[in-house]
Amino acid sequence: MIDRYAARLVAAGIPRNKLWNAHRNAVCLVYYRREFDAARKLLWDYWKEHPLDVRMLAYACITLLPSGMVASLRGRLGRPASELPPSGTVEDCAGWLRALAQISNDLAT
């Protein structure tokens, strides 16, 4: 979508180097509204393009949990999502990418 509409988005005033940020924010908004069915696909699609974005991977995993479990765990987890490491900090990229590819394949089926 970003590639397809990049010219229009830039013409609308979004700097080219910020196009994915705008998309990421839109995906997060769906997640923050707890619209997990809709957010799930958006998060996995975003994650496939940005496999080092650990926060988005965590959000995608949360969407797989039953809504009652998410509600009961909300605020009781040891580390809030805001304390997850920032994207792009994974050191072992090769192993990380292999693990993420396996997860992606498993979820696609």
PDB file of N, CA and C in Angstrom:
ATOM      1  N   MET A   1       0.817  -1.180   0.000  1.00  0.00           N
ATOM      2  CA  MET A   1       0.000   0.000   0.000  1.00  0.00           C
ATOM      3  C   MET A   1       0.869   1.256   0.000  1.00  0.00           C
ATOM      4  N   ILE A   2       1.923   1.233   0.800  1.00  0.00           N
ATOM      5  CA  ILE A   2       2.801   2.403   0.872  1.00  0.00           C
ATOM      6  C   ILE A   2       3.434   2.661  -0.487  1.00  0.00           C
ATOM      7  N   ASP A   3       3.948   1.612  -1.122  1.00  0.00           N
ATOM      8  CA  ASP A   3       4.558   1.780  -2.443  1.00  0.00           C
ATOM      9  C   ASP A   3       3.552   2.287  -3.465  1.00  0.00           C
ATOM     10  N   ARG A   4       2.362   1.747  -3.404  1.00  0.00           N
ATOM     11  CA  ARG A   4       1.336   2.083  -4.381  1.00  0.00           C
ATOM     12  C   ARG A   4       0.893   3.550  -4.276  1.00  0.00           C
ATOM     13  N   TYR A   5       0.774   4.063  -3.049  1.00  0.00           N
ATOM     14  CA  TYR A   5       0.246   5.407  -2.840  1.00  0.00           C
ATOM     15  C   TYR A   5       1.286   6.398  -2.320  1.00  0.00           C
ATOM     16  N   ALA A   6       2.559   6.057  -2.432  1.00  0.00           N
ATOM     17  CA  ALA A   6       3.616   6.923  -1.901  1.00  0.00           C
ATOM     18  C   ALA A   6       3.540   8.336  -2.466  1.00  0.00           C
ATOM     19  N   ALA A   7       3.360   8.453  -3.765  1.00  0.00           N
ATOM     20  CA  ALA A   7       3.328   9.783  -4.382  1.00  0.00           C
ATOM     21  C   ALA A   7       2.179  10.635  -3.824  1.00  0.00           C
ATOM     22  N   ARG A   8       1.020  10.020  -3.647  1.00  0.00           N
ATOM     23  CA  ARG A   8      -0.126  10.757  -3.095  1.00  0.00           C
ATOM     24  C   ARG A   8       0.122  11.164  -1.646  1.00  0.00           C
ATOM     25  N   LEU A   9       0.722  10.261  -0.889  1.00  0.00           N
ATOM     26  CA  LEU A   9       0.985  10.560   0.512  1.00  0.00           C
ATOM     27  C   LEU A   9       2.000  11.690   0.655  1.00  0.00           C
ATOM     28  N   VAL A  10       3.031  11.661  -0.174  1.00  0.00           N
ATOM     29  CA  VAL A  10       4.030  12.735  -0.149  1.00  0.00           C
ATOM     30  C   VAL A  10       3.381  14.047  -0.566  1.00  0.00           C
ATOM     31  N   ALA A  11       2.524  14.001  -1.589  1.00  0.00           N
ATOM     32  CA  ALA A  11       1.820  15.212  -2.028  1.00  0.00           C
ATOM     33  C   ALA A  11       0.904  15.755  -0.934  1.00  0.00           C
ATOM     34  N   ALA A  12       0.417  14.867  -0.066  1.00  0.00           N
ATOM     35  CA  ALA A  12      -0.455  15.288   1.036  1.00  0.00           C
ATOM     36  C   ALA A  12       0.341  15.869   2.205  1.00  0.00           C
ATOM     37  N   GLY A  13       1.680  15.813   2.102  1.00  0.00           N
ATOM     38  CA  GLY A  13       2.499  16.448   3.133  1.00  0.00           C
ATOM     39  C   GLY A  13       3.261  15.517   4.053  1.00  0.00           C
ATOM     40  N   ILE A  14       3.190  14.215   3.819  1.00  0.00           N
ATOM     41  CA  ILE A  14       3.937  13.267   4.664  1.00  0.00           C
ATOM     42  C   ILE A  14       5.324  13.078   4.063  1.00  0.00           C
ATOM     43  N   PRO A  15       6.373  13.380   4.817  1.00  0.00           N
ATOM     44  CA  PRO A  15       7.722  13.181   4.281  1.00  0.00           C
ATOM     45  C   PRO A  15       7.938  11.713   3.905  1.00  0.00           C
ATOM     46  N   ARG A  16       8.637  11.494   2.807  1.00  0.00           N
ATOM     47  CA  ARG A  16       8.841  10.134   2.300  1.00  0.00           C
ATOM     48  C   ARG A  16       9.453   9.211   3.360  1.00  0.00           C
ATOM     49  N   ASN A  17      10.386   9.725   4.163  1.00  0.00           N
ATOM     50  CA  ASN A  17      11.027   8.872   5.174  1.00  0.00           C
ATOM     51  C   ASN A  17      10.109   8.585   6.365  1.00  0.00           C
ATOM     52  N   LYS A  18       8.935   9.167   6.398  1.00  0.00           N
ATOM     53  CA  LYS A  18       7.978   8.944   7.490  1.00  0.00           C
ATOM     54  C   LYS A  18       6.749   8.147   7.058  1.00  0.00           C
ATOM     55  N   LEU A  19       6.711   7.662   5.817  1.00  0.00           N
ATOM     56  CA  LEU A  19       5.525   6.968   5.324  1.00  0.00           C
ATOM     57  C   LEU A  19       5.189   5.744   6.168  1.00  0.00           C
ATOM     58  N   TRP A  20       6.174   4.938   6.501  1.00  0.00           N
ATOM     59  CA  TRP A  20       5.893   3.745   7.303  1.00  0.00           C
ATOM     60  C   TRP A  20       5.473   4.123   8.712  1.00  0.00           C
ATOM     61  N   ASN A  21       5.977   5.236   9.240  1.00  0.00           N
ATOM     62  CA  ASN A  21       5.565   5.668  10.582  1.00  0.00           C
ATOM     63  C   ASN A  21       4.073   5.966  10.613  1.00  0.00           C
ATOM     64  N   ALA A  22       3.583   6.623   9.581  1.00  0.00           N
ATOM     65  CA  ALA A  22       2.152   6.936   9.524  1.00  0.00           C
ATOM     66  C   ALA A  22       1.336   5.654   9.456  1.00  0.00           C
ATOM     67  N   HIS A  23       1.789   4.702   8.667  1.00  0.00           N
ATOM     68  CA  HIS A  23       1.084   3.416   8.574  1.00  0.00           C
ATOM     69  C   HIS A  23       1.133   2.675   9.909  1.00  0.00           C
ATOM     70  N   ARG A  24       2.299   2.679  10.554  1.00  0.00           N
ATOM     71  CA  ARG A  24       2.453   2.014  11.849  1.00  0.00           C
ATOM     72  C   ARG A  24       1.493   2.615  12.874  1.00  0.00           C
ATOM     73  N   ASN A  25       1.387   3.928  12.882  1.00  0.00           N
ATOM     74  CA  ASN A  25       0.485   4.595  13.822  1.00  0.00           C
ATOM     75  C   ASN A  25      -0.974   4.206  13.566  1.00  0.00           C
ATOM     76  N   ALA A  26      -1.344   4.085  12.305  1.00  0.00           N
ATOM     77  CA  ALA A  26      -2.718   3.687  11.974  1.00  0.00           C
ATOM     78  C   ALA A  26      -2.990   2.256  12.434  1.00  0.00           C
ATOM     79  N   VAL A  27      -2.022   1.373  12.251  1.00  0.00           N
ATOM     80  CA  VAL A  27      -2.172  -0.016  12.705  1.00  0.00           C
ATOM     81  C   VAL A  27      -2.292  -0.061  14.223  1.00  0.00           C
ATOM     82  N   CYS A  28      -1.456   0.700  14.907  1.00  0.00           N
ATOM     83  CA  CYS A  28      -1.513   0.734  16.379  1.00  0.00           C
ATOM     84  C   CYS A  28      -2.852   1.267  16.872  1.00  0.00           C
ATOM     85  N   LEU A  29      -3.410   2.223  16.175  1.00  0.00           N
ATOM     86  CA  LEU A  29      -4.706   2.776  16.587  1.00  0.00           C
ATOM     87  C   LEU A  29      -5.776   1.686  16.596  1.00  0.00           C
ATOM     88  N   VAL A  30      -5.786   0.836  15.591  1.00  0.00           N
ATOM     89  CA  VAL A  30      -6.747  -0.273  15.546  1.00  0.00           C
ATOM     90  C   VAL A  30      -6.509  -1.204  16.731  1.00  0.00           C
ATOM     91  N   TYR A  31      -5.245  -1.492  17.024  1.00  0.00           N
ATOM     92  CA  TYR A  31      -4.904  -2.345  18.169  1.00  0.00           C
ATOM     93  C   TYR A  31      -5.335  -1.700  19.491  1.00  0.00           C
ATOM     94  N   TYR A  32      -5.032  -0.418  19.671  1.00  0.00           N
ATOM     95  CA  TYR A  32      -5.366   0.268  20.921  1.00  0.00           C
ATOM     96  C   TYR A  32      -6.873   0.339  21.157  1.00  0.00           C
ATOM     97  N   ARG A  33      -7.635   0.298  20.098  1.00  0.00           N
ATOM     98  CA  ARG A  33      -9.093   0.263  20.237  1.00  0.00           C
ATOM     99  C   ARG A  33      -9.593  -1.133  20.594  1.00  0.00           C
ATOM    100  N   ARG A  34      -8.685  -2.069  20.707  1.00  0.00           N
ATOM    101  CA  ARG A  34      -8.984  -3.475  21.044  1.00  0.00           C
ATOM    102  C   ARG A  34      -9.839  -4.145  19.965  1.00  0.00           C
ATOM    103  N   GLU A  35      -9.662  -3.707  18.727  1.00  0.00           N
ATOM    104  CA  GLU A  35     -10.326  -4.340  17.593  1.00  0.00           C
ATOM    105  C   GLU A  35      -9.379  -5.426  17.071  1.00  0.00           C
ATOM    106  N   PHE A  36      -9.216  -6.482  17.892  1.00  0.00           N
ATOM    107  CA  PHE A  36      -8.181  -7.468  17.639  1.00  0.00           C
ATOM    108  C   PHE A  36      -8.364  -8.238  16.341  1.00  0.00           C
ATOM    109  N   ASP A  37      -9.582  -8.528  15.950  1.00  0.00           N
ATOM    110  CA  ASP A  37      -9.782  -9.243  14.692  1.00  0.00           C
ATOM    111  C   ASP A  37      -9.240  -8.439  13.514  1.00  0.00           C
ATOM    112  N   ALA A  38      -9.532  -7.166  13.489  1.00  0.00           N
ATOM    113  CA  ALA A  38      -9.043  -6.296  12.417  1.00  0.00           C
ATOM    114  C   ALA A  38      -7.548  -6.028  12.573  1.00  0.00           C
ATOM    115  N   ALA A  39      -7.095  -5.842  13.803  1.00  0.00           N
ATOM    116  CA  ALA A  39      -5.691  -5.506  14.054  1.00  0.00           C
ATOM    117  C   ALA A  39      -4.751  -6.664  13.734  1.00  0.00           C
ATOM    118  N   ARG A  40      -5.213  -7.887  13.944  1.00  0.00           N
ATOM    119  CA  ARG A  40      -4.352  -9.058  13.775  1.00  0.00           C
ATOM    120  C   ARG A  40      -3.690  -9.086  12.394  1.00  0.00           C
ATOM    121  N   LYS A  41      -4.471  -8.993  11.344  1.00  0.00           N
ATOM    122  CA  LYS A  41      -3.912  -9.038   9.990  1.00  0.00           C
ATOM    123  C   LYS A  41      -3.017  -7.828   9.725  1.00  0.00           C
ATOM    124  N   LEU A  42      -3.449  -6.658  10.151  1.00  0.00           N
ATOM    125  CA  LEU A  42      -2.642  -5.457   9.938  1.00  0.00           C
ATOM    126  C   LEU A  42      -1.293  -5.561  10.634  1.00  0.00           C
ATOM    127  N   LEU A  43      -1.307  -6.066  11.869  1.00  0.00           N
ATOM    128  CA  LEU A  43      -0.061  -6.201  12.623  1.00  0.00           C
ATOM    129  C   LEU A  43       0.880  -7.199  11.975  1.00  0.00           C
ATOM    130  N   TRP A  44       0.361  -8.362  11.563  1.00  0.00           N
ATOM    131  CA  TRP A  44       1.232  -9.371  10.939  1.00  0.00           C
ATOM    132  C   TRP A  44       1.770  -8.870   9.608  1.00  0.00           C
ATOM    133  N   ASP A  45       0.939  -8.181   8.837  1.00  0.00           N
ATOM    134  CA  ASP A  45       1.418  -7.639   7.561  1.00  0.00           C
ATOM    135  C   ASP A  45       2.510  -6.593   7.790  1.00  0.00           C
ATOM    136  N   TYR A  46       2.310  -5.733   8.782  1.00  0.00           N
ATOM    137  CA  TYR A  46       3.322  -4.738   9.102  1.00  0.00           C
ATOM    138  C   TYR A  46       4.605  -5.427   9.568  1.00  0.00           C
ATOM    139  N   TRP A  47       4.448  -6.418  10.436  1.00  0.00           N
ATOM    140  CA  TRP A  47       5.605  -7.114  10.984  1.00  0.00           C
ATOM    141  C   TRP A  47       6.424  -7.821   9.897  1.00  0.00           C
ATOM    142  N   LYS A  48       5.754  -8.368   8.888  1.00  0.00           N
ATOM    143  CA  LYS A  48       6.483  -9.029   7.793  1.00  0.00           C
ATOM    144  C   LYS A  48       7.408  -8.045   7.074  1.00  0.00           C
ATOM    145  N   GLU A  49       7.015  -6.781   7.001  1.00  0.00           N
ATOM    146  CA  GLU A  49       7.851  -5.757   6.380  1.00  0.00           C
ATOM    147  C   GLU A  49       8.924  -5.228   7.336  1.00  0.00           C
ATOM    148  N   HIS A  50       8.678  -5.347   8.641  1.00  0.00           N
ATOM    149  CA  HIS A  50       9.582  -4.805   9.670  1.00  0.00           C
ATOM    150  C   HIS A  50       9.803  -5.854  10.767  1.00  0.00           C
ATOM    151  N   PRO A  51      10.504  -6.953  10.466  1.00  0.00           N
ATOM    152  CA  PRO A  51      10.626  -8.059  11.426  1.00  0.00           C
ATOM    153  C   PRO A  51      11.410  -7.738  12.693  1.00  0.00           C
ATOM    154  N   LEU A  52      12.085  -6.619  12.752  1.00  0.00           N
ATOM    155  CA  LEU A  52      12.810  -6.263  13.960  1.00  0.00           C
ATOM    156  C   LEU A  52      12.007  -5.359  14.891  1.00  0.00           C
ATOM    157  N   ASP A  53      10.789  -5.063  14.524  1.00  0.00           N
ATOM    158  CA  ASP A  53       9.930  -4.221  15.362  1.00  0.00           C
ATOM    159  C   ASP A  53       9.282  -5.119  16.420  1.00  0.00           C
ATOM    160  N   VAL A  54       9.977  -5.295  17.525  1.00  0.00           N
ATOM    161  CA  VAL A  54       9.570  -6.220  18.584  1.00  0.00           C
ATOM    162  C   VAL A  54       8.235  -5.822  19.198  1.00  0.00           C
ATOM    163  N   ARG A  55       8.003  -4.544  19.327  1.00  0.00           N
ATOM    164  CA  ARG A  55       6.752  -4.085  19.928  1.00  0.00           C
ATOM    165  C   ARG A  55       5.547  -4.538  19.092  1.00  0.00           C
ATOM    166  N   MET A  56       5.642  -4.399  17.775  1.00  0.00           N
ATOM    167  CA  MET A  56       4.532  -4.809  16.918  1.00  0.00           C
ATOM    168  C   MET A  56       4.350  -6.326  16.952  1.00  0.00           C
ATOM    169  N   LEU A  57       5.436  -7.064  17.086  1.00  0.00           N
ATOM    170  CA  LEU A  57       5.326  -8.517  17.226  1.00  0.00           C
ATOM    171  C   LEU A  57       4.593  -8.864  18.519  1.00  0.00           C
ATOM    172  N   ALA A  58       4.904  -8.165  19.595  1.00  0.00           N
ATOM    173  CA  ALA A  58       4.216  -8.411  20.865  1.00  0.00           C
ATOM    174  C   ALA A  58       2.724  -8.101  20.736  1.00  0.00           C
ATOM    175  N   TYR A  59       2.398  -7.001  20.100  1.00  0.00           N
ATOM    176  CA  TYR A  59       0.993  -6.660  19.891  1.00  0.00           C
ATOM    177  C   TYR A  59       0.286  -7.733  19.065  1.00  0.00           C
ATOM    178  N   ALA A  60       0.967  -8.208  18.018  1.00  0.00           N
ATOM    179  CA  ALA A  60       0.375  -9.243  17.174  1.00  0.00           C
ATOM    180  C   ALA A  60       0.097 -10.509  17.974  1.00  0.00           C
ATOM    181  N   CYS A  61       1.010 -10.882  18.845  1.00  0.00           N
ATOM    182  CA  CYS A  61       0.816 -12.072  19.684  1.00  0.00           C
ATOM    183  C   CYS A  61      -0.351 -11.877  20.651  1.00  0.00           C
ATOM    184  N   ILE A  62      -0.482 -10.692  21.198  1.00  0.00           N
ATOM    185  CA  ILE A  62      -1.578 -10.411  22.127  1.00  0.00           C
ATOM    186  C   ILE A  62      -2.924 -10.572  21.432  1.00  0.00           C
ATOM    187  N   THR A  63      -3.001 -10.229  20.149  1.00  0.00           N
ATOM    188  CA  THR A  63      -4.279 -10.355  19.438  1.00  0.00           C
ATOM    189  C   THR A  63      -4.720 -11.802  19.285  1.00  0.00           C
ATOM    190  N   LEU A  64      -3.819 -12.739  19.522  1.00  0.00           N
ATOM    191  CA  LEU A  64      -4.159 -14.160  19.417  1.00  0.00           C
ATOM    192  C   LEU A  64      -4.811 -14.689  20.696  1.00  0.00           C
ATOM    193  N   LEU A  65      -4.686 -13.939  21.784  1.00  0.00           N
ATOM    194  CA  LEU A  65      -5.250 -14.366  23.063  1.00  0.00           C
ATOM    195  C   LEU A  65      -6.757 -14.112  23.100  1.00  0.00           C
ATOM    196  N   PRO A  66      -7.489 -14.907  23.869  1.00  0.00           N
ATOM    197  CA  PRO A  66      -8.919 -14.626  24.051  1.00  0.00           C
ATOM    198  C   PRO A  66      -9.110 -13.254  24.706  1.00  0.00           C
ATOM    199  N   SER A  67     -10.141 -12.536  24.293  1.00  0.00           N
ATOM    200  CA  SER A  67     -10.344 -11.175  24.791  1.00  0.00           C
ATOM    201  C   SER A  67     -10.502 -11.124  26.308  1.00  0.00           C
ATOM    202  N   GLY A  68     -11.131 -12.141  26.886  1.00  0.00           N
ATOM    203  CA  GLY A  68     -11.275 -12.177  28.343  1.00  0.00           C
ATOM    204  C   GLY A  68      -9.934 -12.258  29.047  1.00  0.00           C
ATOM    205  N   MET A  69      -9.009 -13.011  28.468  1.00  0.00           N
ATOM    206  CA  MET A  69      -7.672 -13.132  29.050  1.00  0.00           C
ATOM    207  C   MET A  69      -6.930 -11.804  28.951  1.00  0.00           C
ATOM    208  N   VAL A  70      -7.050 -11.135  27.816  1.00  0.00           N
ATOM    209  CA  VAL A  70      -6.391  -9.838  27.652  1.00  0.00           C
ATOM    210  C   VAL A  70      -6.936  -8.855  28.682  1.00  0.00           C
ATOM    211  N   ALA A  71      -8.240  -8.852  28.861  1.00  0.00           N
ATOM    212  CA  ALA A  71      -8.855  -7.934  29.825  1.00  0.00           C
ATOM    213  C   ALA A  71      -8.386  -8.232  31.247  1.00  0.00           C
ATOM    214  N   SER A  72      -8.272  -9.510  31.593  1.00  0.00           N
ATOM    215  CA  SER A  72      -7.860  -9.851  32.951  1.00  0.00           C
ATOM    216  C   SER A  72      -6.377  -9.580  33.200  1.00  0.00           C
ATOM    217  N   LEU A  73      -5.569  -9.639  32.156  1.00  0.00           N
ATOM    218  CA  LEU A  73      -4.136  -9.391  32.307  1.00  0.00           C
ATOM    219  C   LEU A  73      -3.770  -7.919  32.204  1.00  0.00           C
ATOM    220  N   ARG A  74      -4.661  -7.144  31.636  1.00  0.00           N
ATOM    221  CA  ARG A  74      -4.373  -5.728  31.415  1.00  0.00           C
ATOM    222  C   ARG A  74      -4.021  -5.046  32.732  1.00  0.00           C
ATOM    223  N   GLY A  75      -2.852  -4.439  32.734  1.00  0.00           N
ATOM    224  CA  GLY A  75      -2.387  -3.727  33.919  1.00  0.00           C
ATOM    225  C   GLY A  75      -1.734  -4.617  34.955  1.00  0.00           C
ATOM    226  N   ARG A  76      -1.777  -5.939  34.769  1.00  0.00           N
ATOM    227  CA  ARG A  76      -1.180  -6.840  35.753  1.00  0.00           C
ATOM    228  C   ARG A  76       0.108  -7.475  35.265  1.00  0.00           C
ATOM    229  N   LEU A  77       0.467  -7.232  34.025  1.00  0.00           N
ATOM    230  CA  LEU A  77       1.689  -7.813  33.489  1.00  0.00           C
ATOM    231  C   LEU A  77       2.899  -7.102  34.070  1.00  0.00           C
ATOM    232  N   GLY A  78       4.006  -7.804  34.151  1.00  0.00           N
ATOM    233  CA  GLY A  78       5.213  -7.241  34.738  1.00  0.00           C
ATOM    234  C   GLY A  78       5.759  -6.030  34.003  1.00  0.00           C
ATOM    235  N   ARG A  79       5.727  -6.058  32.677  1.00  0.00           N
ATOM    236  CA  ARG A  79       6.264  -4.946  31.894  1.00  0.00           C
ATOM    237  C   ARG A  79       5.216  -4.473  30.908  1.00  0.00           C
ATOM    238  N   PRO A  80       4.800  -3.234  30.995  1.00  0.00           N
ATOM    239  CA  PRO A  80       3.847  -2.724  30.014  1.00  0.00           C
ATOM    240  C   PRO A  80       4.487  -2.654  28.637  1.00  0.00           C
ATOM    241  N   ALA A  81       3.655  -2.652  27.606  1.00  0.00           N
ATOM    242  CA  ALA A  81       4.154  -2.616  26.235  1.00  0.00           C
ATOM    243  C   ALA A  81       5.054  -1.404  25.995  1.00  0.00           C
ATOM    244  N   SER A  82       4.814  -0.321  26.711  1.00  0.00           N
ATOM    245  CA  SER A  82       5.635   0.880  26.523  1.00  0.00           C
ATOM    246  C   SER A  82       7.080   0.654  26.950  1.00  0.00           C
ATOM    247  N   GLU A  83       7.340  -0.410  27.717  1.00  0.00           N
ATOM    248  CA  GLU A  83       8.701  -0.704  28.150  1.00  0.00           C
ATOM    249  C   GLU A  83       9.376  -1.770  27.304  1.00  0.00           C
ATOM    250  N   LEU A  84       8.710  -2.236  26.247  1.00  0.00           N
ATOM    251  CA  LEU A  84       9.354  -3.187  25.353  1.00  0.00           C
ATOM    252  C   LEU A  84      10.528  -2.505  24.672  1.00  0.00           C
ATOM    253  N   PRO A  85      11.538  -3.280  24.277  1.00  0.00           N
ATOM    254  CA  PRO A  85      12.672  -2.645  23.607  1.00  0.00           C
ATOM    255  C   PRO A  85      12.226  -1.959  22.328  1.00  0.00           C
ATOM    256  N   PRO A  86      12.877  -0.867  21.975  1.00  0.00           N
ATOM    257  CA  PRO A  86      12.498  -0.196  20.730  1.00  0.00           C
ATOM    258  C   PRO A  86      12.808  -1.083  19.537  1.00  0.00           C
ATOM    259  N   SER A  87      12.172  -0.793  18.419  1.00  0.00           N
ATOM    260  CA  SER A  87      12.396  -1.614  17.227  1.00  0.00           C
ATOM    261  C   SER A  87      13.831  -1.467  16.756  1.00  0.00           C
ATOM    262  N   GLY A  88      14.337  -2.539  16.138  1.00  0.00           N
ATOM    263  CA  GLY A  88      15.669  -2.526  15.557  1.00  0.00           C
ATOM    264  C   GLY A  88      16.783  -2.814  16.535  1.00  0.00           C
ATOM    265  N   THR A  89      16.496  -3.359  17.733  1.00  0.00           N
ATOM    266  CA  THR A  89      17.550  -3.603  18.707  1.00  0.00           C
ATOM    267  C   THR A  89      17.920  -5.075  18.844  1.00  0.00           C
ATOM    268  N   VAL A  90      17.397  -5.925  18.006  1.00  0.00           N
ATOM    269  CA  VAL A  90      17.684  -7.353  18.113  1.00  0.00           C
ATOM    270  C   VAL A  90      19.085  -7.613  17.588  1.00  0.00           C
ATOM    271  N   GLU A  91      19.912  -8.252  18.413  1.00  0.00           N
ATOM    272  CA  GLU A  91      21.305  -8.464  18.052  1.00  0.00           C
ATOM    273  C   GLU A  91      21.506  -9.652  17.112  1.00  0.00           C
ATOM    274  N   ASP A  92      20.890 -10.779  17.409  1.00  0.00           N
ATOM    275  CA  ASP A  92      21.064 -11.980  16.606  1.00  0.00           C
ATOM    276  C   ASP A  92      20.041 -12.004  15.481  1.00  0.00           C
ATOM    277  N   CYS A  93      20.270 -11.226  14.448  1.00  0.00           N
ATOM    278  CA  CYS A  93      19.281 -11.061  13.380  1.00  0.00           C
ATOM    279  C   CYS A  93      18.994 -12.360  12.645  1.00  0.00           C
ATOM    280  N   ALA A  94      20.005 -13.158  12.359  1.00  0.00           N
ATOM    281  CA  ALA A  94      19.783 -14.382  11.578  1.00  0.00           C
ATOM    282  C   ALA A  94      18.868 -15.344  12.337  1.00  0.00           C
ATOM    283  N   GLY A  95      19.170 -15.602  13.592  1.00  0.00           N
ATOM    284  CA  GLY A  95      18.334 -16.497  14.394  1.00  0.00           C
ATOM    285  C   GLY A  95      16.951 -15.926  14.622  1.00  0.00           C
ATOM    286  N   TRP A  96      16.892 -14.644  14.849  1.00  0.00           N
ATOM    287  CA  TRP A  96      15.620 -13.957  15.070  1.00  0.00           C
ATOM    288  C   TRP A  96      14.747 -14.065  13.830  1.00  0.00           C
ATOM    289  N   LEU A  97      15.327 -13.803  12.673  1.00  0.00           N
ATOM    290  CA  LEU A  97      14.554 -13.862  11.434  1.00  0.00           C
ATOM    291  C   LEU A  97      14.072 -15.274  11.136  1.00  0.00           C
ATOM    292  N   ARG A  98      14.883 -16.290  11.436  1.00  0.00           N
ATOM    293  CA  ARG A  98      14.441 -17.680  11.248  1.00  0.00           C
ATOM    294  C   ARG A  98      13.248 -17.985  12.140  1.00  0.00           C
ATOM    295  N   ALA A  99      13.324 -17.578  13.398  1.00  0.00           N
ATOM    296  CA  ALA A  99      12.224 -17.833  14.337  1.00  0.00           C
ATOM    297  C   ALA A  99      10.959 -17.090  13.895  1.00  0.00           C
ATOM    298  N   LEU A 100      11.107 -15.872  13.468  1.00  0.00           N
ATOM    299  CA  LEU A 100       9.959 -15.092  13.040  1.00  0.00           C
ATOM    300  C   LEU A 100       9.342 -15.650  11.761  1.00  0.00           C
ATOM    301  N   ALA A 101      10.174 -16.155  10.863  1.00  0.00           N
ATOM    302  CA  ALA A 101       9.654 -16.762   9.640  1.00  0.00           C
ATOM    303  C   ALA A 101       8.823 -17.991   9.978  1.00  0.00           C
ATOM    304  N   GLN A 102       9.284 -18.795  10.950  1.00  0.00           N
ATOM    305  CA  GLN A 102       8.536 -19.981  11.347  1.00  0.00           C
ATOM    306  C   GLN A 102       7.193 -19.598  11.965  1.00  0.00           C
ATOM    307  N   ILE A 103       7.201 -18.580  12.827  1.00  0.00           N
ATOM    308  CA  ILE A 103       5.961 -18.113  13.448  1.00  0.00           C
ATOM    309  C   ILE A 103       5.000 -17.614  12.370  1.00  0.00           C
ATOM    310  N   SER A 104       5.526 -16.845  11.431  1.00  0.00           N
ATOM    311  CA  SER A 104       4.694 -16.315  10.362  1.00  0.00           C
ATOM    312  C   SER A 104       4.064 -17.419   9.538  1.00  0.00           C
ATOM    313  N   ASN A 105       4.853 -18.435   9.212  1.00  0.00           N
ATOM    314  CA  ASN A 105       4.319 -19.574   8.450  1.00  0.00           C
ATOM    315  C   ASN A 105       3.237 -20.311   9.242  1.00  0.00           C
ATOM    316  N   ASP A 106       3.482 -20.514  10.527  1.00  0.00           N
ATOM    317  CA  ASP A 106       2.508 -21.210  11.360  1.00  0.00           C
ATOM    318  C   ASP A 106       1.187 -20.449  11.445  1.00  0.00           C
ATOM    319  N   LEU A 107       1.283 -19.123  11.546  1.00  0.00           N
ATOM    320  CA  LEU A 107       0.070 -18.309  11.668  1.00  0.00           C
ATOM    321  C   LEU A 107      -0.661 -18.147  10.349  1.00  0.00           C
ATOM    322  N   ALA A 108       0.046 -18.269   9.254  1.00  0.00           N
ATOM    323  CA  ALA A 108      -0.578 -18.122   7.939  1.00  0.00           C
ATOM    324  C   ALA A 108      -1.451 -19.326   7.589  1.00  0.00           C
ATOM    325  N   THR A 109      -1.204 -20.448   8.225  1.00  0.00           N
ATOM    326  CA  THR A 109      -1.977 -21.657   7.908  1.00  0.00           C
ATOM    327  C   THR A 109      -3.180 -21.814   8.797  1.00  0.00           C
TER     328      THR A 109
END
